[in-house]
PDB file of N, CA and C in Angstrom:
ATOM      1  N   MET A   1     -21.772 -32.519  52.155  1.00  0.00           N
ATOM      2  CA  MET A   1     -22.402 -32.513  50.856  1.00  0.00           C
ATOM      3  C   MET A   1     -23.244 -33.779  50.736  1.00  0.00           C
ATOM      4  N   TYR A   2     -24.262 -33.708  49.860  1.00  0.00           N
ATOM      5  CA  TYR A   2     -25.191 -34.804  49.683  1.00  0.00           C
ATOM      6  C   TYR A   2     -25.376 -35.084  48.194  1.00  0.00           C
ATOM      7  N   CYS A   3     -25.767 -36.304  47.897  1.00  0.00           N
ATOM      8  CA  CYS A   3     -25.990 -36.696  46.511  1.00  0.00           C
ATOM      9  C   CYS A   3     -27.375 -37.323  46.396  1.00  0.00           C
ATOM     10  N   PHE A   4     -28.196 -36.741  45.557  1.00  0.00           N
ATOM     11  CA  PHE A   4     -29.515 -37.259  45.241  1.00  0.00           C
ATOM     12  C   PHE A   4     -29.346 -38.161  44.026  1.00  0.00           C
ATOM     13  N   VAL A   5     -29.557 -39.450  44.224  1.00  0.00           N
ATOM     14  CA  VAL A   5     -29.350 -40.443  43.170  1.00  0.00           C
ATOM     15  C   VAL A   5     -30.698 -40.780  42.548  1.00  0.00           C
ATOM     16  N   VAL A   6     -30.756 -40.680  41.229  1.00  0.00           N
ATOM     17  CA  VAL A   6     -31.953 -41.025  40.469  1.00  0.00           C
ATOM     18  C   VAL A   6     -31.549 -42.138  39.515  1.00  0.00           C
ATOM     19  N   ALA A   7     -32.138 -43.327  39.700  1.00  0.00           N
ATOM     20  CA  ALA A   7     -31.756 -44.493  38.903  1.00  0.00           C
ATOM     21  C   ALA A   7     -32.972 -45.028  38.152  1.00  0.00           C
ATOM     22  N   TYR A   8     -32.770 -45.312  36.873  1.00  0.00           N
ATOM     23  CA  TYR A   8     -33.826 -45.838  36.017  1.00  0.00           C
ATOM     24  C   TYR A   8     -33.486 -47.286  35.669  1.00  0.00           C
ATOM     25  N   PRO A   9     -34.263 -48.246  36.194  1.00  0.00           N
ATOM     26  CA  PRO A   9     -33.961 -49.662  35.966  1.00  0.00           C
ATOM     27  C   PRO A   9     -34.015 -50.029  34.475  1.00  0.00           C
ATOM     28  N   ASN A  10     -33.113 -50.892  34.082  1.00  0.00           N
ATOM     29  CA  ASN A  10     -33.054 -51.370  32.703  1.00  0.00           C
ATOM     30  C   ASN A  10     -33.895 -52.644  32.607  1.00  0.00           C
ATOM     31  N   VAL A  11     -35.162 -52.471  32.308  1.00  0.00           N
ATOM     32  CA  VAL A  11     -36.111 -53.587  32.248  1.00  0.00           C
ATOM     33  C   VAL A  11     -36.595 -53.771  30.807  1.00  0.00           C
ATOM     34  N   PRO A  12     -37.095 -54.956  30.471  1.00  0.00           N
ATOM     35  CA  PRO A  12     -37.628 -55.160  29.118  1.00  0.00           C
ATOM     36  C   PRO A  12     -38.680 -54.105  28.773  1.00  0.00           C
ATOM     37  N   GLY A  13     -38.581 -53.568  27.573  1.00  0.00           N
ATOM     38  CA  GLY A  13     -39.521 -52.542  27.117  1.00  0.00           C
ATOM     39  C   GLY A  13     -39.163 -51.131  27.542  1.00  0.00           C
ATOM     40  N   ALA A  14     -38.036 -50.979  28.243  1.00  0.00           N
ATOM     41  CA  ALA A  14     -37.627 -49.645  28.700  1.00  0.00           C
ATOM     42  C   ALA A  14     -37.264 -48.761  27.511  1.00  0.00           C
ATOM     43  N   LYS A  15     -37.709 -47.508  27.596  1.00  0.00           N
ATOM     44  CA  LYS A  15     -37.274 -46.514  26.611  1.00  0.00           C
ATOM     45  C   LYS A  15     -36.742 -45.313  27.384  1.00  0.00           C
ATOM     46  N   PHE A  16     -35.729 -44.681  26.810  1.00  0.00           N
ATOM     47  CA  PHE A  16     -35.125 -43.544  27.478  1.00  0.00           C
ATOM     48  C   PHE A  16     -34.516 -42.625  26.433  1.00  0.00           C
ATOM     49  N   ASP A  17     -34.943 -41.367  26.431  1.00  0.00           N
ATOM     50  CA  ASP A  17     -34.446 -40.364  25.489  1.00  0.00           C
ATOM     51  C   ASP A  17     -33.382 -39.520  26.204  1.00  0.00           C
ATOM     52  N   PHE A  18     -32.119 -39.890  26.008  1.00  0.00           N
ATOM     53  CA  PHE A  18     -31.028 -39.192  26.687  1.00  0.00           C
ATOM     54  C   PHE A  18     -30.892 -37.746  26.225  1.00  0.00           C
ATOM     55  N   THR A  19     -31.197 -37.480  24.961  1.00  0.00           N
ATOM     56  CA  THR A  19     -31.097 -36.107  24.458  1.00  0.00           C
ATOM     57  C   THR A  19     -32.083 -35.209  25.211  1.00  0.00           C
ATOM     58  N   TYR A  20     -33.332 -35.641  25.299  1.00  0.00           N
ATOM     59  CA  TYR A  20     -34.323 -34.852  26.024  1.00  0.00           C
ATOM     60  C   TYR A  20     -33.927 -34.718  27.494  1.00  0.00           C
ATOM     61  N   TYR A  21     -33.515 -35.821  28.095  1.00  0.00           N
ATOM     62  CA  TYR A  21     -33.157 -35.815  29.518  1.00  0.00           C
ATOM     63  C   TYR A  21     -32.055 -34.792  29.794  1.00  0.00           C
ATOM     64  N   CYS A  22     -31.010 -34.824  28.966  1.00  0.00           N
ATOM     65  CA  CYS A  22     -29.863 -33.932  29.194  1.00  0.00           C
ATOM     66  C   CYS A  22     -30.132 -32.484  28.785  1.00  0.00           C
ATOM     67  N   GLU A  23     -30.927 -32.289  27.733  1.00  0.00           N
ATOM     68  CA  GLU A  23     -31.139 -30.935  27.208  1.00  0.00           C
ATOM     69  C   GLU A  23     -32.366 -30.228  27.781  1.00  0.00           C
ATOM     70  N   GLU A  24     -33.320 -30.980  28.336  1.00  0.00           N
ATOM     71  CA  GLU A  24     -34.548 -30.374  28.846  1.00  0.00           C
ATOM     72  C   GLU A  24     -34.780 -30.654  30.334  1.00  0.00           C
ATOM     73  N   HIS A  25     -34.749 -31.934  30.717  1.00  0.00           N
ATOM     74  CA  HIS A  25     -35.108 -32.280  32.097  1.00  0.00           C
ATOM     75  C   HIS A  25     -34.043 -31.835  33.093  1.00  0.00           C
ATOM     76  N   ILE A  26     -32.792 -32.108  32.810  1.00  0.00           N
ATOM     77  CA  ILE A  26     -31.724 -31.703  33.734  1.00  0.00           C
ATOM     78  C   ILE A  26     -31.673 -30.177  33.888  1.00  0.00           C
ATOM     79  N   PRO A  27     -31.780 -29.391  32.803  1.00  0.00           N
ATOM     80  CA  PRO A  27     -31.849 -27.935  33.002  1.00  0.00           C
ATOM     81  C   PRO A  27     -33.046 -27.498  33.852  1.00  0.00           C
ATOM     82  N   LEU A  28     -34.182 -28.190  33.730  1.00  0.00           N
ATOM     83  CA  LEU A  28     -35.336 -27.898  34.591  1.00  0.00           C
ATOM     84  C   LEU A  28     -34.966 -28.110  36.051  1.00  0.00           C
ATOM     85  N   LEU A  29     -34.357 -29.258  36.354  1.00  0.00           N
ATOM     86  CA  LEU A  29     -33.940 -29.528  37.737  1.00  0.00           C
ATOM     87  C   LEU A  29     -32.913 -28.514  38.209  1.00  0.00           C
ATOM     88  N   THR A  30     -31.958 -28.203  37.358  1.00  0.00           N
ATOM     89  CA  THR A  30     -30.915 -27.236  37.707  1.00  0.00           C
ATOM     90  C   THR A  30     -31.522 -25.892  38.088  1.00  0.00           C
ATOM     91  N   ARG A  31     -32.494 -25.450  37.303  1.00  0.00           N
ATOM     92  CA  ARG A  31     -33.166 -24.171  37.588  1.00  0.00           C
ATOM     93  C   ARG A  31     -33.921 -24.232  38.913  1.00  0.00           C
ATOM     94  N   LEU A  32     -34.626 -25.325  39.145  1.00  0.00           N
ATOM     95  CA  LEU A  32     -35.431 -25.439  40.360  1.00  0.00           C
ATOM     96  C   LEU A  32     -34.576 -25.586  41.618  1.00  0.00           C
ATOM     97  N   ILE A  33     -33.490 -26.312  41.528  1.00  0.00           N
ATOM     98  CA  ILE A  33     -32.625 -26.521  42.695  1.00  0.00           C
ATOM     99  C   ILE A  33     -31.830 -25.263  43.020  1.00  0.00           C
ATOM    100  N   GLY A  34     -31.467 -24.511  42.006  1.00  0.00           N
ATOM    101  CA  GLY A  34     -30.817 -23.211  42.211  1.00  0.00           C
ATOM    102  C   GLY A  34     -29.460 -23.306  42.889  1.00  0.00           C
ATOM    103  N   GLU A  35     -29.223 -22.410  43.840  1.00  0.00           N
ATOM    104  CA  GLU A  35     -27.919 -22.298  44.474  1.00  0.00           C
ATOM    105  C   GLU A  35     -27.573 -23.483  45.372  1.00  0.00           C
ATOM    106  N   ASN A  36     -28.517 -24.330  45.658  1.00  0.00           N
ATOM    107  CA  ASN A  36     -28.258 -25.544  46.436  1.00  0.00           C
ATOM    108  C   ASN A  36     -27.493 -26.578  45.604  1.00  0.00           C
ATOM    109  N   LEU A  37     -27.520 -26.435  44.287  1.00  0.00           N
ATOM    110  CA  LEU A  37     -26.886 -27.390  43.384  1.00  0.00           C
ATOM    111  C   LEU A  37     -25.372 -27.211  43.348  1.00  0.00           C
ATOM    112  N   VAL A  38     -24.648 -28.320  43.472  1.00  0.00           N
ATOM    113  CA  VAL A  38     -23.198 -28.321  43.335  1.00  0.00           C
ATOM    114  C   VAL A  38     -22.816 -28.782  41.937  1.00  0.00           C
ATOM    115  N   LYS A  39     -23.332 -29.946  41.523  1.00  0.00           N
ATOM    116  CA  LYS A  39     -23.066 -30.461  40.177  1.00  0.00           C
ATOM    117  C   LYS A  39     -24.051 -31.574  39.871  1.00  0.00           C
ATOM    118  N   VAL A  40     -24.124 -31.922  38.577  1.00  0.00           N
ATOM    119  CA  VAL A  40     -24.978 -33.008  38.115  1.00  0.00           C
ATOM    120  C   VAL A  40     -24.144 -33.934  37.237  1.00  0.00           C
ATOM    121  N   GLU A  41     -24.310 -35.225  37.443  1.00  0.00           N
ATOM    122  CA  GLU A  41     -23.693 -36.237  36.588  1.00  0.00           C
ATOM    123  C   GLU A  41     -24.811 -37.096  36.020  1.00  0.00           C
ATOM    124  N   VAL A  42     -24.813 -37.298  34.707  1.00  0.00           N
ATOM    125  CA  VAL A  42     -25.758 -38.200  34.058  1.00  0.00           C
ATOM    126  C   VAL A  42     -24.935 -39.297  33.401  1.00  0.00           C
ATOM    127  N   ARG A  43     -25.310 -40.550  33.704  1.00  0.00           N
ATOM    128  CA  ARG A  43     -24.563 -41.678  33.164  1.00  0.00           C
ATOM    129  C   ARG A  43     -25.508 -42.647  32.457  1.00  0.00           C
ATOM    130  N   LYS A  44     -25.035 -43.177  31.328  1.00  0.00           N
ATOM    131  CA  LYS A  44     -25.770 -44.175  30.551  1.00  0.00           C
ATOM    132  C   LYS A  44     -25.178 -45.539  30.863  1.00  0.00           C
ATOM    133  N   GLY A  45     -26.012 -46.467  31.314  1.00  0.00           N
ATOM    134  CA  GLY A  45     -25.535 -47.802  31.642  1.00  0.00           C
ATOM    135  C   GLY A  45     -25.125 -48.572  30.403  1.00  0.00           C
ATOM    136  N   LEU A  46     -23.918 -49.111  30.423  1.00  0.00           N
ATOM    137  CA  LEU A  46     -23.412 -49.896  29.293  1.00  0.00           C
ATOM    138  C   LEU A  46     -23.440 -51.392  29.585  1.00  0.00           C
ATOM    139  N   ALA A  47     -23.002 -51.778  30.771  1.00  0.00           N
ATOM    140  CA  ALA A  47     -22.960 -53.199  31.130  1.00  0.00           C
ATOM    141  C   ALA A  47     -22.746 -53.331  32.625  1.00  0.00           C
ATOM    142  N   ALA A  48     -23.108 -54.504  33.153  1.00  0.00           N
ATOM    143  CA  ALA A  48     -22.762 -54.841  34.536  1.00  0.00           C
ATOM    144  C   ALA A  48     -21.265 -55.159  34.573  1.00  0.00           C
ATOM    145  N   ALA A  49     -20.712 -55.239  35.751  1.00  0.00           N
ATOM    146  CA  ALA A  49     -19.275 -55.493  35.899  1.00  0.00           C
ATOM    147  C   ALA A  49     -18.856 -56.806  35.235  1.00  0.00           C
ATOM    148  N   ASP A  50     -19.744 -57.797  35.204  1.00  0.00           N
ATOM    149  CA  ASP A  50     -19.414 -59.092  34.608  1.00  0.00           C
ATOM    150  C   ASP A  50     -19.721 -59.156  33.112  1.00  0.00           C
ATOM    151  N   GLY A  51     -20.124 -58.021  32.522  1.00  0.00           N
ATOM    152  CA  GLY A  51     -20.426 -57.970  31.101  1.00  0.00           C
ATOM    153  C   GLY A  51     -21.886 -58.205  30.766  1.00  0.00           C
ATOM    154  N   ALA A  52     -22.689 -58.574  31.751  1.00  0.00           N
ATOM    155  CA  ALA A  52     -24.129 -58.761  31.533  1.00  0.00           C
ATOM    156  C   ALA A  52     -24.790 -57.410  31.252  1.00  0.00           C
ATOM    157  N   VAL A  53     -26.061 -57.460  30.946  1.00  0.00           N
ATOM    158  CA  VAL A  53     -26.829 -56.237  30.690  1.00  0.00           C
ATOM    159  C   VAL A  53     -26.759 -55.326  31.920  1.00  0.00           C
ATOM    160  N   ALA A  54     -26.586 -54.029  31.676  1.00  0.00           N
ATOM    161  CA  ALA A  54     -26.537 -53.051  32.770  1.00  0.00           C
ATOM    162  C   ALA A  54     -27.843 -53.085  33.556  1.00  0.00           C
ATOM    163  N   PRO A  55     -27.776 -53.089  34.885  1.00  0.00           N
ATOM    164  CA  PRO A  55     -29.005 -53.103  35.678  1.00  0.00           C
ATOM    165  C   PRO A  55     -29.786 -51.783  35.602  1.00  0.00           C
ATOM    166  N   PHE A  56     -29.104 -50.695  35.224  1.00  0.00           N
ATOM    167  CA  PHE A  56     -29.765 -49.396  35.106  1.00  0.00           C
ATOM    168  C   PHE A  56     -29.465 -48.813  33.738  1.00  0.00           C
ATOM    169  N   ILE A  57     -30.510 -48.312  33.076  1.00  0.00           N
ATOM    170  CA  ILE A  57     -30.336 -47.690  31.772  1.00  0.00           C
ATOM    171  C   ILE A  57     -29.738 -46.291  31.921  1.00  0.00           C
ATOM    172  N   CYS A  58     -30.075 -45.635  33.027  1.00  0.00           N
ATOM    173  CA  CYS A  58     -29.564 -44.295  33.307  1.00  0.00           C
ATOM    174  C   CYS A  58     -29.476 -44.091  34.809  1.00  0.00           C
ATOM    175  N   MET A  59     -28.430 -43.384  35.212  1.00  0.00           N
ATOM    176  CA  MET A  59     -28.301 -42.946  36.605  1.00  0.00           C
ATOM    177  C   MET A  59     -27.872 -41.486  36.590  1.00  0.00           C
ATOM    178  N   ALA A  60     -28.481 -40.723  37.465  1.00  0.00           N
ATOM    179  CA  ALA A  60     -28.097 -39.323  37.617  1.00  0.00           C
ATOM    180  C   ALA A  60     -27.734 -39.088  39.075  1.00  0.00           C
ATOM    181  N   ASN A  61     -26.613 -38.428  39.266  1.00  0.00           N
ATOM    182  CA  ASN A  61     -26.204 -37.991  40.602  1.00  0.00           C
ATOM    183  C   ASN A  61     -26.332 -36.484  40.633  1.00  0.00           C
ATOM    184  N   ILE A  62     -27.161 -36.010  41.540  1.00  0.00           N
ATOM    185  CA  ILE A  62     -27.401 -34.577  41.679  1.00  0.00           C
ATOM    186  C   ILE A  62     -26.841 -34.178  43.040  1.00  0.00           C
ATOM    187  N   TRP A  63     -25.711 -33.511  43.016  1.00  0.00           N
ATOM    188  CA  TRP A  63     -24.984 -33.145  44.226  1.00  0.00           C
ATOM    189  C   TRP A  63     -25.530 -31.821  44.759  1.00  0.00           C
ATOM    190  N   VAL A  64     -25.900 -31.823  46.049  1.00  0.00           N
ATOM    191  CA  VAL A  64     -26.482 -30.637  46.670  1.00  0.00           C
ATOM    192  C   VAL A  64     -25.813 -30.356  48.014  1.00  0.00           C
ATOM    193  N   LEU A  65     -25.962 -29.132  48.466  1.00  0.00           N
ATOM    194  CA  LEU A  65     -25.400 -28.720  49.753  1.00  0.00           C
ATOM    195  C   LEU A  65     -26.304 -29.082  50.919  1.00  0.00           C
ATOM    196  N   SER A  66     -27.617 -29.036  50.700  1.00  0.00           N
ATOM    197  CA  SER A  66     -28.573 -29.211  51.788  1.00  0.00           C
ATOM    198  C   SER A  66     -29.683 -30.188  51.404  1.00  0.00           C
ATOM    199  N   VAL A  67     -29.857 -31.233  52.200  1.00  0.00           N
ATOM    200  CA  VAL A  67     -30.955 -32.182  51.994  1.00  0.00           C
ATOM    201  C   VAL A  67     -32.285 -31.495  52.263  1.00  0.00           C
ATOM    202  N   GLU A  68     -32.321 -30.649  53.279  1.00  0.00           N
ATOM    203  CA  GLU A  68     -33.565 -29.962  53.624  1.00  0.00           C
ATOM    204  C   GLU A  68     -34.042 -29.078  52.466  1.00  0.00           C
ATOM    205  N   GLU A  69     -33.109 -28.344  51.858  1.00  0.00           N
ATOM    206  CA  GLU A  69     -33.474 -27.499  50.715  1.00  0.00           C
ATOM    207  C   GLU A  69     -33.905 -28.350  49.530  1.00  0.00           C
ATOM    208  N   LEU A  70     -33.235 -29.477  49.311  1.00  0.00           N
ATOM    209  CA  LEU A  70     -33.630 -30.376  48.228  1.00  0.00           C
ATOM    210  C   LEU A  70     -35.050 -30.878  48.458  1.00  0.00           C
ATOM    211  N   ARG A  71     -35.343 -31.330  49.663  1.00  0.00           N
ATOM    212  CA  ARG A  71     -36.690 -31.830  49.972  1.00  0.00           C
ATOM    213  C   ARG A  71     -37.739 -30.731  49.780  1.00  0.00           C
ATOM    214  N   SER A  72     -37.406 -29.528  50.175  1.00  0.00           N
ATOM    215  CA  SER A  72     -38.329 -28.409  49.989  1.00  0.00           C
ATOM    216  C   SER A  72     -38.585 -28.164  48.503  1.00  0.00           C
ATOM    217  N   THR A  73     -37.522 -28.197  47.708  1.00  0.00           N
ATOM    218  CA  THR A  73     -37.649 -28.017  46.260  1.00  0.00           C
ATOM    219  C   THR A  73     -38.525 -29.103  45.661  1.00  0.00           C
ATOM    220  N   LEU A  74     -38.293 -30.353  46.074  1.00  0.00           N
ATOM    221  CA  LEU A  74     -39.090 -31.461  45.549  1.00  0.00           C
ATOM    222  C   LEU A  74     -40.550 -31.363  45.992  1.00  0.00           C
ATOM    223  N   ASP A  75     -40.778 -30.929  47.227  1.00  0.00           N
ATOM    224  CA  ASP A  75     -42.146 -30.752  47.711  1.00  0.00           C
ATOM    225  C   ASP A  75     -42.880 -29.675  46.913  1.00  0.00           C
ATOM    226  N   LEU A  76     -42.184 -28.558  46.653  1.00  0.00           N
ATOM    227  CA  LEU A  76     -42.807 -27.431  45.950  1.00  0.00           C
ATOM    228  C   LEU A  76     -42.990 -27.686  44.460  1.00  0.00           C
ATOM    229  N   ASN A  77     -42.084 -28.474  43.868  1.00  0.00           N
ATOM    230  CA  ASN A  77     -42.054 -28.603  42.415  1.00  0.00           C
ATOM    231  C   ASN A  77     -42.219 -30.038  41.917  1.00  0.00           C
ATOM    232  N   GLY A  78     -42.575 -30.931  42.805  1.00  0.00           N
ATOM    233  CA  GLY A  78     -42.688 -32.342  42.443  1.00  0.00           C
ATOM    234  C   GLY A  78     -43.646 -32.613  41.300  1.00  0.00           C
ATOM    235  N   ASP A  79     -44.769 -31.914  41.272  1.00  0.00           N
ATOM    236  CA  ASP A  79     -45.742 -32.131  40.199  1.00  0.00           C
ATOM    237  C   ASP A  79     -45.155 -31.752  38.840  1.00  0.00           C
ATOM    238  N   GLU A  80     -44.444 -30.623  38.785  1.00  0.00           N
ATOM    239  CA  GLU A  80     -43.825 -30.186  37.529  1.00  0.00           C
ATOM    240  C   GLU A  80     -42.750 -31.168  37.079  1.00  0.00           C
ATOM    241  N   ILE A  81     -41.942 -31.619  38.017  1.00  0.00           N
ATOM    242  CA  ILE A  81     -40.872 -32.568  37.700  1.00  0.00           C
ATOM    243  C   ILE A  81     -41.469 -33.883  37.215  1.00  0.00           C
ATOM    244  N   SER A  82     -42.441 -34.403  37.942  1.00  0.00           N
ATOM    245  CA  SER A  82     -43.072 -35.675  37.579  1.00  0.00           C
ATOM    246  C   SER A  82     -43.791 -35.595  36.235  1.00  0.00           C
ATOM    247  N   ALA A  83     -44.409 -34.464  35.953  1.00  0.00           N
ATOM    248  CA  ALA A  83     -45.124 -34.308  34.690  1.00  0.00           C
ATOM    249  C   ALA A  83     -44.194 -34.371  33.486  1.00  0.00           C
ATOM    250  N   ASP A  84     -42.922 -34.090  33.678  1.00  0.00           N
ATOM    251  CA  ASP A  84     -41.952 -34.106  32.580  1.00  0.00           C
ATOM    252  C   ASP A  84     -41.412 -35.514  32.304  1.00  0.00           C
ATOM    253  N   ILE A  85     -41.518 -36.421  33.238  1.00  0.00           N
ATOM    254  CA  ILE A  85     -40.932 -37.754  33.089  1.00  0.00           C
ATOM    255  C   ILE A  85     -41.411 -38.478  31.825  1.00  0.00           C
ATOM    256  N   PRO A  86     -42.705 -38.484  31.499  1.00  0.00           N
ATOM    257  CA  PRO A  86     -43.141 -39.193  30.279  1.00  0.00           C
ATOM    258  C   PRO A  86     -42.545 -38.629  28.988  1.00  0.00           C
ATOM    259  N   ASN A  87     -41.970 -37.434  29.038  1.00  0.00           N
ATOM    260  CA  ASN A  87     -41.341 -36.869  27.846  1.00  0.00           C
ATOM    261  C   ASN A  87     -40.033 -37.555  27.487  1.00  0.00           C
ATOM    262  N   TYR A  88     -39.442 -38.293  28.428  1.00  0.00           N
ATOM    263  CA  TYR A  88     -38.167 -38.954  28.118  1.00  0.00           C
ATOM    264  C   TYR A  88     -38.109 -40.429  28.484  1.00  0.00           C
ATOM    265  N   THR A  89     -39.061 -40.949  29.257  1.00  0.00           N
ATOM    266  CA  THR A  89     -38.999 -42.365  29.609  1.00  0.00           C
ATOM    267  C   THR A  89     -40.366 -42.917  29.985  1.00  0.00           C
ATOM    268  N   ASN A  90     -40.456 -44.230  29.928  1.00  0.00           N
ATOM    269  CA  ASN A  90     -41.647 -44.930  30.403  1.00  0.00           C
ATOM    270  C   ASN A  90     -41.361 -45.642  31.722  1.00  0.00           C
ATOM    271  N   LEU A  91     -40.276 -45.273  32.375  1.00  0.00           N
ATOM    272  CA  LEU A  91     -39.823 -45.901  33.614  1.00  0.00           C
ATOM    273  C   LEU A  91     -40.127 -45.032  34.832  1.00  0.00           C
ATOM    274  N   ALA A  92     -40.303 -45.691  35.958  1.00  0.00           N
ATOM    275  CA  ALA A  92     -40.418 -44.981  37.232  1.00  0.00           C
ATOM    276  C   ALA A  92     -39.025 -44.975  37.874  1.00  0.00           C
ATOM    277  N   PRO A  93     -38.494 -43.802  38.191  1.00  0.00           N
ATOM    278  CA  PRO A  93     -37.159 -43.747  38.772  1.00  0.00           C
ATOM    279  C   PRO A  93     -37.135 -44.229  40.220  1.00  0.00           C
ATOM    280  N   LEU A  94     -36.001 -44.791  40.592  1.00  0.00           N
ATOM    281  CA  LEU A  94     -35.719 -45.111  41.986  1.00  0.00           C
ATOM    282  C   LEU A  94     -34.934 -43.941  42.548  1.00  0.00           C
ATOM    283  N   LEU A  95     -35.282 -43.475  43.738  1.00  0.00           N
ATOM    284  CA  LEU A  95     -34.683 -42.264  44.314  1.00  0.00           C
ATOM    285  C   LEU A  95     -34.012 -42.587  45.642  1.00  0.00           C
ATOM    286  N   GLN A  96     -32.858 -41.964  45.849  1.00  0.00           N
ATOM    287  CA  GLN A  96     -32.128 -42.158  47.108  1.00  0.00           C
ATOM    288  C   GLN A  96     -31.318 -40.915  47.398  1.00  0.00           C
ATOM    289  N   VAL A  97     -31.224 -40.556  48.668  1.00  0.00           N
ATOM    290  CA  VAL A  97     -30.367 -39.448  49.088  1.00  0.00           C
ATOM    291  C   VAL A  97     -29.211 -40.048  49.878  1.00  0.00           C
ATOM    292  N   ASP A  98     -27.986 -39.678  49.483  1.00  0.00           N
ATOM    293  CA  ASP A  98     -26.778 -40.168  50.146  1.00  0.00           C
ATOM    294  C   ASP A  98     -26.017 -39.012  50.779  1.00  0.00           C
ATOM    295  N   GLU A  99     -25.370 -39.288  51.875  1.00  0.00           N
ATOM    296  CA  GLU A  99     -24.400 -38.371  52.444  1.00  0.00           C
ATOM    297  C   GLU A  99     -23.051 -38.723  51.833  1.00  0.00           C
ATOM    298  N   VAL A 100     -22.374 -37.746  51.253  1.00  0.00           N
ATOM    299  CA  VAL A 100     -21.076 -37.989  50.629  1.00  0.00           C
ATOM    300  C   VAL A 100     -20.008 -37.928  51.717  1.00  0.00           C
ATOM    301  N   LEU A 101     -19.353 -39.041  51.940  1.00  0.00           N
ATOM    302  CA  LEU A 101     -18.337 -39.131  52.981  1.00  0.00           C
ATOM    303  C   LEU A 101     -16.937 -38.840  52.451  1.00  0.00           C
ATOM    304  N   GLN A 102     -16.711 -39.118  51.170  1.00  0.00           N
ATOM    305  CA  GLN A 102     -15.369 -38.902  50.600  1.00  0.00           C
ATOM    306  C   GLN A 102     -15.450 -38.763  49.102  1.00  0.00           C
ATOM    307  N   THR A 103     -14.673 -37.869  48.556  1.00  0.00           N
ATOM    308  CA  THR A 103     -14.466 -37.768  47.115  1.00  0.00           C
ATOM    309  C   THR A 103     -12.969 -37.644  46.884  1.00  0.00           C
ATOM    310  N   THR A 104     -12.544 -38.071  45.726  1.00  0.00           N
ATOM    311  CA  THR A 104     -11.104 -37.945  45.412  1.00  0.00           C
ATOM    312  C   THR A 104     -10.920 -37.289  44.070  1.00  0.00           C
TER     313      THR A 104
END
């Protein structure tokens, strides 16, 4: 299994509409990813471990079965996905694909 991590840095002037993200953008991704999708987690950053400001305002983990299928989906639908970003944030997301080695 693989996890597509989408992280939005918590920088001065950052805005993020969690309602839109959860109710509109995530369902868009869910529809586009289709049967390759295992689950989605959306998290709101509250604080760093030492109590300082959270380094990320939002992180999403999108769990998928196939990296190749995910890349194909992003290649085919990247313009649609990117066009929706200004509807919920003024941030550029950081993207990473991880191989999940263990879950408990």
